[in-house]
């Protein structure tokens, strides 16, 4: 009589999955907030809306890391990609004026490698600590045959909360407003299909390779402080689509952002990508953040104070442009 089959024979190790949950609990515990009633390990996580909100509005966001993962796989450097995952969602939630409240992740692979998975989820927990949100749960899916050996996929999900009268929607933006730019930490998690194409042509030195892999900057805490002190009219997270594609998303009809490219120093990484890939200047600003990871629109009278507050909080801030009246759809140009 043939031996009966088990789930492990089919390539799924339930015990390894359970061991991973136990291994990550200490990292998740460091991210807990008082609103979390039940977290890692249950069928669902319970979270109260913070009592300080009178008319709370929930803001949700989801994202992945894109093809930056392919570079992570090839280099075997898994320890910071979790920060990227958190950053992409919490920064998106933040631009509506929301405080990120909790985060969940989805980690999918063909065969679970405990060390790799722990490295990734430690990074996710670190990102949540930086953002001040709780890692309350997620899903680890081991699916034999779905992914090449040594590869995995990631997705992240964030829920934030904002006072109803504090939602930032850009409607008050008008001609004469100031546009501030917060420095990026590198390429963040965007444009990596092009970056990988360029890497087939040229080999960066160790410093440039580190810059390419540098995790996405999380802007949550400094901007939450700023929003409490000054009226912020608009925020744009500079992700896929670059400055020209993302800034118009926070502008009302009849407004244009004029961005002065010489108002901030472009990091060496982007000069290298442009040169080695022979990438047109317009394409650079359509694909990459080119050194600006978040854009903040404030009234001219608040620009100096806003920049000072953000610098005090640890951000590198540049005055990168202005808002002008514009007929038709919202627009952003780089000059």
C-alpha atoms as a PDB file:
ATOM      1  CA  UNK A   1       0.000   0.000   0.000  1.00  0.00           C
ATOM      2  CA  UNK A   2       1.391   3.426  -0.931  1.00  0.00           C
ATOM      3  CA  UNK A   3       2.088   5.965   1.757  1.00  0.00           C
ATOM      4  CA  UNK A   4      -0.635   8.551   2.298  1.00  0.00           C
ATOM      5  CA  UNK A   5       0.243  12.067   1.198  1.00  0.00           C
ATOM      6  CA  UNK A   6       0.565  15.043   3.516  1.00  0.00           C
ATOM      7  CA  UNK A   7       0.468  18.786   2.894  1.00  0.00           C
ATOM      8  CA  UNK A   8       4.246  18.803   3.385  1.00  0.00           C
ATOM      9  CA  UNK A   9       4.576  16.270   0.551  1.00  0.00           C
ATOM     10  CA  UNK A  10       2.740  18.801  -1.626  1.00  0.00           C
ATOM     11  CA  UNK A  11       5.291  21.476  -0.709  1.00  0.00           C
ATOM     12  CA  UNK A  12       3.491  23.332   2.088  1.00  0.00           C
ATOM     13  CA  UNK A  13       5.043  23.275   5.564  1.00  0.00           C
ATOM     14  CA  UNK A  14       2.354  24.275   8.085  1.00  0.00           C
ATOM     15  CA  UNK A  15       4.800  23.980  10.988  1.00  0.00           C
ATOM     16  CA  UNK A  16       7.188  26.452   9.325  1.00  0.00           C
ATOM     17  CA  UNK A  17       4.339  28.910   8.864  1.00  0.00           C
ATOM     18  CA  UNK A  18       3.371  28.613  12.515  1.00  0.00           C
ATOM     19  CA  UNK A  19       7.011  29.059  13.557  1.00  0.00           C
ATOM     20  CA  UNK A  20       7.214  32.235  11.445  1.00  0.00           C
ATOM     21  CA  UNK A  21       4.185  33.716  13.220  1.00  0.00           C
ATOM     22  CA  UNK A  22       5.852  33.080  16.571  1.00  0.00           C
ATOM     23  CA  UNK A  23       9.161  34.510  15.342  1.00  0.00           C
ATOM     24  CA  UNK A  24       7.644  37.812  14.201  1.00  0.00           C
ATOM     25  CA  UNK A  25       5.439  38.461  17.243  1.00  0.00           C
ATOM     26  CA  UNK A  26       8.192  40.346  19.152  1.00  0.00           C
ATOM     27  CA  UNK A  27       8.752  42.690  16.192  1.00  0.00           C
ATOM     28  CA  UNK A  28       5.025  43.340  15.786  1.00  0.00           C
ATOM     29  CA  UNK A  29       4.654  43.928  19.536  1.00  0.00           C
ATOM     30  CA  UNK A  30       6.980  46.948  19.326  1.00  0.00           C
ATOM     31  CA  UNK A  31       4.568  48.612  16.885  1.00  0.00           C
ATOM     32  CA  UNK A  32       1.452  48.295  19.022  1.00  0.00           C
ATOM     33  CA  UNK A  33      -0.802  51.272  19.719  1.00  0.00           C
ATOM     34  CA  UNK A  34      -3.328  51.565  22.565  1.00  0.00           C
ATOM     35  CA  UNK A  35      -6.195  51.275  20.064  1.00  0.00           C
ATOM     36  CA  UNK A  36      -5.224  47.703  19.131  1.00  0.00           C
ATOM     37  CA  UNK A  37      -7.451  45.243  21.003  1.00  0.00           C
ATOM     38  CA  UNK A  38      -6.210  42.027  19.379  1.00  0.00           C
ATOM     39  CA  UNK A  39      -3.463  41.528  16.847  1.00  0.00           C
ATOM     40  CA  UNK A  40      -1.168  38.876  15.364  1.00  0.00           C
ATOM     41  CA  UNK A  41      -2.451  35.290  15.279  1.00  0.00           C
ATOM     42  CA  UNK A  42      -6.234  35.653  15.167  1.00  0.00           C
ATOM     43  CA  UNK A  43      -8.608  35.440  12.230  1.00  0.00           C
ATOM     44  CA  UNK A  44      -8.894  39.208  12.295  1.00  0.00           C
ATOM     45  CA  UNK A  45      -7.374  42.089  14.229  1.00  0.00           C
ATOM     46  CA  UNK A  46      -9.481  44.446  16.340  1.00  0.00           C
ATOM     47  CA  UNK A  47      -8.667  48.158  16.430  1.00  0.00           C
ATOM     48  CA  UNK A  48     -10.610  51.039  17.980  1.00  0.00           C
ATOM     49  CA  UNK A  49     -10.798  54.429  16.339  1.00  0.00           C
ATOM     50  CA  UNK A  50      -8.723  56.799  18.522  1.00  0.00           C
ATOM     51  CA  UNK A  51     -10.990  58.645  20.936  1.00  0.00           C
ATOM     52  CA  UNK A  52      -9.412  62.028  20.200  1.00  0.00           C
ATOM     53  CA  UNK A  53     -11.294  62.233  16.870  1.00  0.00           C
ATOM     54  CA  UNK A  54     -14.717  63.918  16.872  1.00  0.00           C
ATOM     55  CA  UNK A  55     -15.716  63.007  13.297  1.00  0.00           C
ATOM     56  CA  UNK A  56     -13.185  60.387  12.228  1.00  0.00           C
ATOM     57  CA  UNK A  57     -12.770  59.556   8.561  1.00  0.00           C
ATOM     58  CA  UNK A  58     -10.892  56.368   7.654  1.00  0.00           C
ATOM     59  CA  UNK A  59      -8.387  56.556   4.804  1.00  0.00           C
ATOM     60  CA  UNK A  60      -7.054  53.366   3.222  1.00  0.00           C
ATOM     61  CA  UNK A  61      -4.178  52.569   0.905  1.00  0.00           C
ATOM     62  CA  UNK A  62      -2.511  49.530  -0.627  1.00  0.00           C
ATOM     63  CA  UNK A  63       0.670  49.037  -2.630  1.00  0.00           C
ATOM     64  CA  UNK A  64       3.581  46.724  -3.296  1.00  0.00           C
ATOM     65  CA  UNK A  65       7.276  47.150  -3.949  1.00  0.00           C
ATOM     66  CA  UNK A  66       7.267  46.440  -7.681  1.00  0.00           C
ATOM     67  CA  UNK A  67      10.267  45.102  -9.556  1.00  0.00           C
ATOM     68  CA  UNK A  68      12.685  46.412  -6.947  1.00  0.00           C
ATOM     69  CA  UNK A  69      12.116  42.911  -5.556  1.00  0.00           C
ATOM     70  CA  UNK A  70      13.965  41.398  -8.530  1.00  0.00           C
ATOM     71  CA  UNK A  71      17.082  43.324  -7.551  1.00  0.00           C
ATOM     72  CA  UNK A  72      16.622  42.317  -3.917  1.00  0.00           C
ATOM     73  CA  UNK A  73      16.468  38.649  -4.979  1.00  0.00           C
ATOM     74  CA  UNK A  74      19.587  38.865  -7.117  1.00  0.00           C
ATOM     75  CA  UNK A  75      21.603  40.529  -4.339  1.00  0.00           C
ATOM     76  CA  UNK A  76      20.142  38.568  -1.433  1.00  0.00           C
ATOM     77  CA  UNK A  77      19.505  41.755   0.560  1.00  0.00           C
ATOM     78  CA  UNK A  78      16.078  41.349   2.153  1.00  0.00           C
ATOM     79  CA  UNK A  79      16.402  43.411   5.322  1.00  0.00           C
ATOM     80  CA  UNK A  80      15.024  46.776   4.170  1.00  0.00           C
ATOM     81  CA  UNK A  81      12.466  45.939   1.485  1.00  0.00           C
ATOM     82  CA  UNK A  82       9.821  45.736   4.220  1.00  0.00           C
ATOM     83  CA  UNK A  83      10.413  49.419   4.970  1.00  0.00           C
ATOM     84  CA  UNK A  84       9.699  50.135   1.295  1.00  0.00           C
ATOM     85  CA  UNK A  85       6.450  48.206   1.550  1.00  0.00           C
ATOM     86  CA  UNK A  86       5.218  50.200   4.531  1.00  0.00           C
ATOM     87  CA  UNK A  87       6.390  53.527   3.125  1.00  0.00           C
ATOM     88  CA  UNK A  88       4.494  53.212  -0.128  1.00  0.00           C
ATOM     89  CA  UNK A  89       1.157  52.887   1.673  1.00  0.00           C
ATOM     90  CA  UNK A  90       1.636  55.118   4.724  1.00  0.00           C
ATOM     91  CA  UNK A  91       2.937  58.019   2.634  1.00  0.00           C
ATOM     92  CA  UNK A  92      -0.110  57.709   0.360  1.00  0.00           C
ATOM     93  CA  UNK A  93      -2.513  57.731   3.316  1.00  0.00           C
ATOM     94  CA  UNK A  94      -0.638  60.668   4.816  1.00  0.00           C
ATOM     95  CA  UNK A  95      -1.264  62.980   1.856  1.00  0.00           C
ATOM     96  CA  UNK A  96      -4.985  63.031   2.698  1.00  0.00           C
ATOM     97  CA  UNK A  97      -4.025  64.430   6.107  1.00  0.00           C
ATOM     98  CA  UNK A  98      -4.471  61.059   7.812  1.00  0.00           C
ATOM     99  CA  UNK A  99      -2.496  59.545  10.661  1.00  0.00           C
ATOM    100  CA  UNK A 100      -1.619  55.930   9.729  1.00  0.00           C
ATOM    101  CA  UNK A 101      -3.336  53.715  12.281  1.00  0.00           C
ATOM    102  CA  UNK A 102      -2.539  50.114  11.334  1.00  0.00           C
ATOM    103  CA  UNK A 103      -0.850  48.043   8.655  1.00  0.00           C
ATOM    104  CA  UNK A 104      -1.204  44.512   7.290  1.00  0.00           C
ATOM    105  CA  UNK A 105       1.099  42.650   4.937  1.00  0.00           C
ATOM    106  CA  UNK A 106       0.808  39.819   2.417  1.00  0.00           C
ATOM    107  CA  UNK A 107       3.930  37.687   1.866  1.00  0.00           C
ATOM    108  CA  UNK A 108       3.615  35.016  -0.825  1.00  0.00           C
ATOM    109  CA  UNK A 109       6.255  32.497  -1.888  1.00  0.00           C
ATOM    110  CA  UNK A 110       6.681  29.081  -3.455  1.00  0.00           C
ATOM    111  CA  UNK A 111       8.639  27.647  -0.519  1.00  0.00           C
ATOM    112  CA  UNK A 112       9.006  29.408   2.808  1.00  0.00           C
ATOM    113  CA  UNK A 113      12.580  30.348   3.710  1.00  0.00           C
ATOM    114  CA  UNK A 114      12.375  31.231   7.391  1.00  0.00           C
ATOM    115  CA  UNK A 115      15.452  33.491   7.474  1.00  0.00           C
ATOM    116  CA  UNK A 116      14.366  35.480   4.420  1.00  0.00           C
ATOM    117  CA  UNK A 117      10.787  35.828   5.664  1.00  0.00           C
ATOM    118  CA  UNK A 118      11.917  36.998   9.105  1.00  0.00           C
ATOM    119  CA  UNK A 119      14.268  39.563   7.517  1.00  0.00           C
ATOM    120  CA  UNK A 120      11.445  40.920   5.354  1.00  0.00           C
ATOM    121  CA  UNK A 121       8.894  41.101   8.163  1.00  0.00           C
ATOM    122  CA  UNK A 122      11.417  42.652  10.565  1.00  0.00           C
ATOM    123  CA  UNK A 123      11.755  45.400   7.947  1.00  0.00           C
ATOM    124  CA  UNK A 124       7.983  45.770   7.801  1.00  0.00           C
ATOM    125  CA  UNK A 125       7.850  46.146  11.578  1.00  0.00           C
ATOM    126  CA  UNK A 126      10.677  48.696  11.445  1.00  0.00           C
ATOM    127  CA  UNK A 127       8.750  50.700   8.847  1.00  0.00           C
ATOM    128  CA  UNK A 128       5.664  50.617  11.038  1.00  0.00           C
ATOM    129  CA  UNK A 129       7.678  51.903  13.997  1.00  0.00           C
ATOM    130  CA  UNK A 130       8.979  54.793  11.896  1.00  0.00           C
ATOM    131  CA  UNK A 131       5.439  55.611  10.753  1.00  0.00           C
ATOM    132  CA  UNK A 132       3.878  55.171  14.201  1.00  0.00           C
ATOM    133  CA  UNK A 133       1.321  52.636  13.009  1.00  0.00           C
ATOM    134  CA  UNK A 134       0.625  49.163  14.359  1.00  0.00           C
ATOM    135  CA  UNK A 135       1.493  45.980  12.477  1.00  0.00           C
ATOM    136  CA  UNK A 136      -1.628  44.058  13.440  1.00  0.00           C
ATOM    137  CA  UNK A 137      -1.487  41.047  11.140  1.00  0.00           C
ATOM    138  CA  UNK A 138      -1.102  39.755   7.632  1.00  0.00           C
ATOM    139  CA  UNK A 139      -0.864  36.622   5.557  1.00  0.00           C
ATOM    140  CA  UNK A 140       2.020  34.332   4.722  1.00  0.00           C
ATOM    141  CA  UNK A 141       1.089  32.177   1.742  1.00  0.00           C
ATOM    142  CA  UNK A 142       3.263  29.229   0.731  1.00  0.00           C
ATOM    143  CA  UNK A 143       2.165  28.214  -2.787  1.00  0.00           C
ATOM    144  CA  UNK A 144       4.352  25.609  -4.492  1.00  0.00           C
ATOM    145  CA  UNK A 145       4.762  26.180  -8.215  1.00  0.00           C
ATOM    146  CA  UNK A 146       3.501  29.758  -8.151  1.00  0.00           C
ATOM    147  CA  UNK A 147       6.884  31.503  -7.811  1.00  0.00           C
ATOM    148  CA  UNK A 148      10.429  30.716  -8.997  1.00  0.00           C
ATOM    149  CA  UNK A 149      12.755  29.331  -6.356  1.00  0.00           C
ATOM    150  CA  UNK A 150      14.077  32.034  -4.027  1.00  0.00           C
ATOM    151  CA  UNK A 151      11.431  34.601  -5.010  1.00  0.00           C
ATOM    152  CA  UNK A 152       8.399  36.026  -3.245  1.00  0.00           C
ATOM    153  CA  UNK A 153       5.853  38.811  -3.622  1.00  0.00           C
ATOM    154  CA  UNK A 154       4.754  41.480  -1.187  1.00  0.00           C
ATOM    155  CA  UNK A 155       1.687  43.640  -0.770  1.00  0.00           C
ATOM    156  CA  UNK A 156       0.835  46.053   2.008  1.00  0.00           C
ATOM    157  CA  UNK A 157      -2.377  47.571   3.310  1.00  0.00           C
ATOM    158  CA  UNK A 158      -2.702  50.626   5.552  1.00  0.00           C
ATOM    159  CA  UNK A 159      -5.662  52.311   7.250  1.00  0.00           C
ATOM    160  CA  UNK A 160      -5.352  55.816   8.643  1.00  0.00           C
ATOM    161  CA  UNK A 161      -7.699  58.247  10.323  1.00  0.00           C
ATOM    162  CA  UNK A 162      -8.275  61.978   9.924  1.00  0.00           C
ATOM    163  CA  UNK A 163     -10.742  64.490  11.339  1.00  0.00           C
ATOM    164  CA  UNK A 164     -13.417  65.157   8.749  1.00  0.00           C
ATOM    165  CA  UNK A 165     -12.699  68.882   8.682  1.00  0.00           C
ATOM    166  CA  UNK A 166      -8.973  68.132   8.481  1.00  0.00           C
ATOM    167  CA  UNK A 167      -9.002  66.179   5.220  1.00  0.00           C
ATOM    168  CA  UNK A 168      -6.434  67.605   2.787  1.00  0.00           C
ATOM    169  CA  UNK A 169      -7.961  67.632  -0.683  1.00  0.00           C
ATOM    170  CA  UNK A 170      -6.160  70.518  -2.401  1.00  0.00           C
ATOM    171  CA  UNK A 171      -9.310  72.566  -2.994  1.00  0.00           C
ATOM    172  CA  UNK A 172      -7.881  75.652  -1.276  1.00  0.00           C
ATOM    173  CA  UNK A 173      -4.709  75.742  -3.411  1.00  0.00           C
ATOM    174  CA  UNK A 174      -4.478  78.931  -5.438  1.00  0.00           C
ATOM    175  CA  UNK A 175      -2.068  81.099  -7.404  1.00  0.00           C
ATOM    176  CA  UNK A 176       0.825  82.405  -5.339  1.00  0.00           C
ATOM    177  CA  UNK A 177       1.063  79.394  -3.014  1.00  0.00           C
ATOM    178  CA  UNK A 178       4.523  77.996  -2.305  1.00  0.00           C
ATOM    179  CA  UNK A 179       5.663  74.519  -3.278  1.00  0.00           C
ATOM    180  CA  UNK A 180       8.150  72.829  -0.949  1.00  0.00           C
ATOM    181  CA  UNK A 181       9.998  69.617  -1.702  1.00  0.00           C
ATOM    182  CA  UNK A 182      11.197  67.085   0.856  1.00  0.00           C
ATOM    183  CA  UNK A 183      14.301  65.174  -0.163  1.00  0.00           C
ATOM    184  CA  UNK A 184      13.977  61.522  -1.097  1.00  0.00           C
ATOM    185  CA  UNK A 185      16.337  58.861   0.216  1.00  0.00           C
ATOM    186  CA  UNK A 186      17.001  57.586  -3.312  1.00  0.00           C
ATOM    187  CA  UNK A 187      14.918  55.983  -6.039  1.00  0.00           C
ATOM    188  CA  UNK A 188      12.465  54.742  -3.385  1.00  0.00           C
ATOM    189  CA  UNK A 189      10.399  51.943  -4.985  1.00  0.00           C
ATOM    190  CA  UNK A 190       9.681  53.393  -8.396  1.00  0.00           C
ATOM    191  CA  UNK A 191      11.136  53.134 -11.859  1.00  0.00           C
ATOM    192  CA  UNK A 192      12.901  49.848 -11.158  1.00  0.00           C
ATOM    193  CA  UNK A 193      11.991  48.252 -14.469  1.00  0.00           C
ATOM    194  CA  UNK A 194      14.027  51.031 -16.099  1.00  0.00           C
ATOM    195  CA  UNK A 195      16.728  50.873 -13.414  1.00  0.00           C
ATOM    196  CA  UNK A 196      17.163  47.147 -13.991  1.00  0.00           C
ATOM    197  CA  UNK A 197      17.407  47.776 -17.741  1.00  0.00           C
ATOM    198  CA  UNK A 198      20.160  50.328 -17.111  1.00  0.00           C
ATOM    199  CA  UNK A 199      21.953  47.864 -14.826  1.00  0.00           C
ATOM    200  CA  UNK A 200      22.198  45.504 -17.798  1.00  0.00           C
ATOM    201  CA  UNK A 201      24.304  48.193 -19.513  1.00  0.00           C
ATOM    202  CA  UNK A 202      26.417  49.488 -16.648  1.00  0.00           C
ATOM    203  CA  UNK A 203      27.662  48.373 -13.237  1.00  0.00           C
ATOM    204  CA  UNK A 204      27.397  50.875 -10.376  1.00  0.00           C
ATOM    205  CA  UNK A 205      30.000  51.123  -7.656  1.00  0.00           C
ATOM    206  CA  UNK A 206      29.138  49.968  -4.129  1.00  0.00           C
ATOM    207  CA  UNK A 207      27.952  53.423  -3.019  1.00  0.00           C
ATOM    208  CA  UNK A 208      25.570  53.773  -5.969  1.00  0.00           C
ATOM    209  CA  UNK A 209      24.251  50.255  -5.477  1.00  0.00           C
ATOM    210  CA  UNK A 210      23.516  51.094  -1.840  1.00  0.00           C
ATOM    211  CA  UNK A 211      21.734  54.249  -3.019  1.00  0.00           C
ATOM    212  CA  UNK A 212      19.619  52.207  -5.426  1.00  0.00           C
ATOM    213  CA  UNK A 213      18.560  49.848  -2.634  1.00  0.00           C
ATOM    214  CA  UNK A 214      18.078  52.552   0.035  1.00  0.00           C
ATOM    215  CA  UNK A 215      14.530  52.134   1.391  1.00  0.00           C
ATOM    216  CA  UNK A 216      11.785  54.638   0.732  1.00  0.00           C
ATOM    217  CA  UNK A 217      11.717  57.534   3.179  1.00  0.00           C
ATOM    218  CA  UNK A 218       8.708  57.652   5.513  1.00  0.00           C
ATOM    219  CA  UNK A 219       7.503  61.241   5.995  1.00  0.00           C
ATOM    220  CA  UNK A 220       4.690  60.574   8.456  1.00  0.00           C
ATOM    221  CA  UNK A 221       5.776  61.996  11.806  1.00  0.00           C
ATOM    222  CA  UNK A 222       7.279  65.337  10.628  1.00  0.00           C
ATOM    223  CA  UNK A 223       4.269  66.064   8.418  1.00  0.00           C
ATOM    224  CA  UNK A 224       1.733  65.169  11.113  1.00  0.00           C
ATOM    225  CA  UNK A 225       3.429  67.714  13.381  1.00  0.00           C
ATOM    226  CA  UNK A 226       3.396  70.317  10.608  1.00  0.00           C
ATOM    227  CA  UNK A 227      -0.304  69.731   9.899  1.00  0.00           C
ATOM    228  CA  UNK A 228      -1.140  70.360  13.556  1.00  0.00           C
ATOM    229  CA  UNK A 229       0.645  73.708  13.547  1.00  0.00           C
ATOM    230  CA  UNK A 230       0.043  75.158  10.068  1.00  0.00           C
ATOM    231  CA  UNK A 231      -2.628  74.851   7.368  1.00  0.00           C
ATOM    232  CA  UNK A 232      -1.208  72.508   4.732  1.00  0.00           C
ATOM    233  CA  UNK A 233      -3.107  72.962   1.475  1.00  0.00           C
ATOM    234  CA  UNK A 234      -1.841  69.996  -0.496  1.00  0.00           C
ATOM    235  CA  UNK A 235       0.536  67.046  -0.390  1.00  0.00           C
ATOM    236  CA  UNK A 236       1.829  64.826  -3.187  1.00  0.00           C
ATOM    237  CA  UNK A 237       3.755  61.602  -2.682  1.00  0.00           C
ATOM    238  CA  UNK A 238       6.212  61.375  -5.578  1.00  0.00           C
ATOM    239  CA  UNK A 239       5.930  57.770  -6.695  1.00  0.00           C
ATOM    240  CA  UNK A 240       5.424  56.206 -10.135  1.00  0.00           C
ATOM    241  CA  UNK A 241       4.841  59.068 -12.557  1.00  0.00           C
ATOM    242  CA  UNK A 242       7.448  61.291 -10.941  1.00  0.00           C
ATOM    243  CA  UNK A 243       6.921  64.954 -10.139  1.00  0.00           C
ATOM    244  CA  UNK A 244       5.038  65.761 -13.338  1.00  0.00           C
ATOM    245  CA  UNK A 245       2.617  62.874 -12.841  1.00  0.00           C
ATOM    246  CA  UNK A 246       1.947  63.142  -9.116  1.00  0.00           C
ATOM    247  CA  UNK A 247       1.843  66.839  -8.245  1.00  0.00           C
ATOM    248  CA  UNK A 248      -1.291  67.469 -10.382  1.00  0.00           C
ATOM    249  CA  UNK A 249      -3.119  64.865  -8.291  1.00  0.00           C
ATOM    250  CA  UNK A 250      -3.244  67.297  -5.352  1.00  0.00           C
ATOM    251  CA  UNK A 251      -4.167  70.383  -7.396  1.00  0.00           C
ATOM    252  CA  UNK A 252      -7.634  71.780  -8.082  1.00  0.00           C
ATOM    253  CA  UNK A 253      -8.867  72.639 -11.548  1.00  0.00           C
ATOM    254  CA  UNK A 254      -7.400  75.913 -12.733  1.00  0.00           C
ATOM    255  CA  UNK A 255      -4.036  75.507 -10.990  1.00  0.00           C
ATOM    256  CA  UNK A 256      -0.560  74.711 -12.272  1.00  0.00           C
ATOM    257  CA  UNK A 257       2.592  73.917 -10.305  1.00  0.00           C
ATOM    258  CA  UNK A 258       5.743  75.396 -11.810  1.00  0.00           C
ATOM    259  CA  UNK A 259       8.673  73.351 -10.527  1.00  0.00           C
ATOM    260  CA  UNK A 260      12.173  74.824 -10.854  1.00  0.00           C
ATOM    261  CA  UNK A 261      14.546  71.918 -11.407  1.00  0.00           C
ATOM    262  CA  UNK A 262      17.630  73.890 -10.332  1.00  0.00           C
ATOM    263  CA  UNK A 263      16.134  74.656  -6.917  1.00  0.00           C
ATOM    264  CA  UNK A 264      17.432  71.408  -5.418  1.00  0.00           C
ATOM    265  CA  UNK A 265      20.628  69.383  -5.976  1.00  0.00           C
ATOM    266  CA  UNK A 266      19.911  66.232  -7.940  1.00  0.00           C
ATOM    267  CA  UNK A 267      21.523  63.226  -6.175  1.00  0.00           C
ATOM    268  CA  UNK A 268      24.374  61.497  -8.001  1.00  0.00           C
ATOM    269  CA  UNK A 269      22.270  58.354  -8.425  1.00  0.00           C
ATOM    270  CA  UNK A 270      19.898  60.095 -10.826  1.00  0.00           C
ATOM    271  CA  UNK A 271      22.717  61.678 -12.809  1.00  0.00           C
ATOM    272  CA  UNK A 272      24.211  58.185 -13.175  1.00  0.00           C
ATOM    273  CA  UNK A 273      20.877  56.701 -14.309  1.00  0.00           C
ATOM    274  CA  UNK A 274      20.375  59.496 -16.828  1.00  0.00           C
ATOM    275  CA  UNK A 275      23.880  59.169 -18.242  1.00  0.00           C
ATOM    276  CA  UNK A 276      24.151  55.387 -18.378  1.00  0.00           C
ATOM    277  CA  UNK A 277      20.635  54.928 -19.690  1.00  0.00           C
ATOM    278  CA  UNK A 278      20.737  57.940 -22.019  1.00  0.00           C
ATOM    279  CA  UNK A 279      17.376  58.872 -20.498  1.00  0.00           C
ATOM    280  CA  UNK A 280      15.747  62.097 -21.719  1.00  0.00           C
ATOM    281  CA  UNK A 281      15.297  64.817 -19.096  1.00  0.00           C
ATOM    282  CA  UNK A 282      11.507  64.819 -19.441  1.00  0.00           C
ATOM    283  CA  UNK A 283      11.472  61.043 -19.000  1.00  0.00           C
ATOM    284  CA  UNK A 284      13.586  61.356 -15.843  1.00  0.00           C
ATOM    285  CA  UNK A 285      10.911  63.547 -14.233  1.00  0.00           C
ATOM    286  CA  UNK A 286       8.117  61.283 -15.479  1.00  0.00           C
ATOM    287  CA  UNK A 287       9.649  58.090 -14.063  1.00  0.00           C
ATOM    288  CA  UNK A 288      11.862  58.972 -11.076  1.00  0.00           C
ATOM    289  CA  UNK A 289      11.490  61.270  -8.077  1.00  0.00           C
ATOM    290  CA  UNK A 290      14.863  62.858  -8.989  1.00  0.00           C
ATOM    291  CA  UNK A 291      15.565  63.660  -5.346  1.00  0.00           C
ATOM    292  CA  UNK A 292      12.144  64.905  -4.169  1.00  0.00           C
ATOM    293  CA  UNK A 293      10.008  62.310  -2.405  1.00  0.00           C
ATOM    294  CA  UNK A 294       7.166  64.471  -1.069  1.00  0.00           C
ATOM    295  CA  UNK A 295       5.745  67.806  -2.182  1.00  0.00           C
ATOM    296  CA  UNK A 296       4.041  70.189   0.253  1.00  0.00           C
ATOM    297  CA  UNK A 297       1.871  73.122  -0.835  1.00  0.00           C
ATOM    298  CA  UNK A 298       1.321  75.948   1.660  1.00  0.00           C
ATOM    299  CA  UNK A 299       0.344  79.604   1.493  1.00  0.00           C
ATOM    300  CA  UNK A 300       3.294  81.882   0.767  1.00  0.00           C
ATOM    301  CA  UNK A 301       2.976  83.445   4.217  1.00  0.00           C
ATOM    302  CA  UNK A 302       3.537  80.035   5.848  1.00  0.00           C
ATOM    303  CA  UNK A 303       6.361  78.791   3.593  1.00  0.00           C
ATOM    304  CA  UNK A 304       9.333  79.871   5.698  1.00  0.00           C
ATOM    305  CA  UNK A 305       7.829  78.604   8.953  1.00  0.00           C
ATOM    306  CA  UNK A 306       6.821  75.279   7.356  1.00  0.00           C
ATOM    307  CA  UNK A 307      10.323  74.744   5.988  1.00  0.00           C
ATOM    308  CA  UNK A 308      11.849  75.579   9.370  1.00  0.00           C
ATOM    309  CA  UNK A 309       9.576  73.124  11.195  1.00  0.00           C
ATOM    310  CA  UNK A 310      10.298  70.322   8.766  1.00  0.00           C
ATOM    311  CA  UNK A 311      14.049  70.883   8.963  1.00  0.00           C
ATOM    312  CA  UNK A 312      13.855  70.827  12.744  1.00  0.00           C
ATOM    313  CA  UNK A 313      12.077  67.468  12.455  1.00  0.00           C
ATOM    314  CA  UNK A 314      14.963  66.082  10.384  1.00  0.00           C
ATOM    315  CA  UNK A 315      13.788  66.638   6.831  1.00  0.00           C
ATOM    316  CA  UNK A 316      15.837  68.192   4.040  1.00  0.00           C
ATOM    317  CA  UNK A 317      13.575  70.858   2.559  1.00  0.00           C
ATOM    318  CA  UNK A 318      13.785  72.932  -0.619  1.00  0.00           C
ATOM    319  CA  UNK A 319      11.588  75.690  -1.993  1.00  0.00           C
ATOM    320  CA  UNK A 320      11.041  74.096  -5.411  1.00  0.00           C
ATOM    321  CA  UNK A 321       8.309  76.124  -7.060  1.00  0.00           C
ATOM    322  CA  UNK A 322       5.056  78.010  -6.999  1.00  0.00           C
ATOM    323  CA  UNK A 323       1.407  77.669  -7.930  1.00  0.00           C
ATOM    324  CA  UNK A 324       0.084  79.669 -10.886  1.00  0.00           C
ATOM    325  CA  UNK A 325      -3.439  80.085 -12.248  1.00  0.00           C
ATOM    326  CA  UNK A 326      -3.966  77.810 -15.231  1.00  0.00           C
ATOM    327  CA  UNK A 327      -6.892  77.268 -17.558  1.00  0.00           C
ATOM    328  CA  UNK A 328      -8.124  73.698 -17.714  1.00  0.00           C
ATOM    329  CA  UNK A 329      -7.003  70.529 -15.945  1.00  0.00           C
ATOM    330  CA  UNK A 330      -4.438  70.592 -13.104  1.00  0.00           C
ATOM    331  CA  UNK A 331      -0.908  70.543 -14.452  1.00  0.00           C
ATOM    332  CA  UNK A 332       2.726  70.501 -13.330  1.00  0.00           C
ATOM    333  CA  UNK A 333       5.676  71.590 -15.410  1.00  0.00           C
ATOM    334  CA  UNK A 334       9.385  71.371 -14.702  1.00  0.00           C
ATOM    335  CA  UNK A 335      11.402  74.381 -15.839  1.00  0.00           C
END
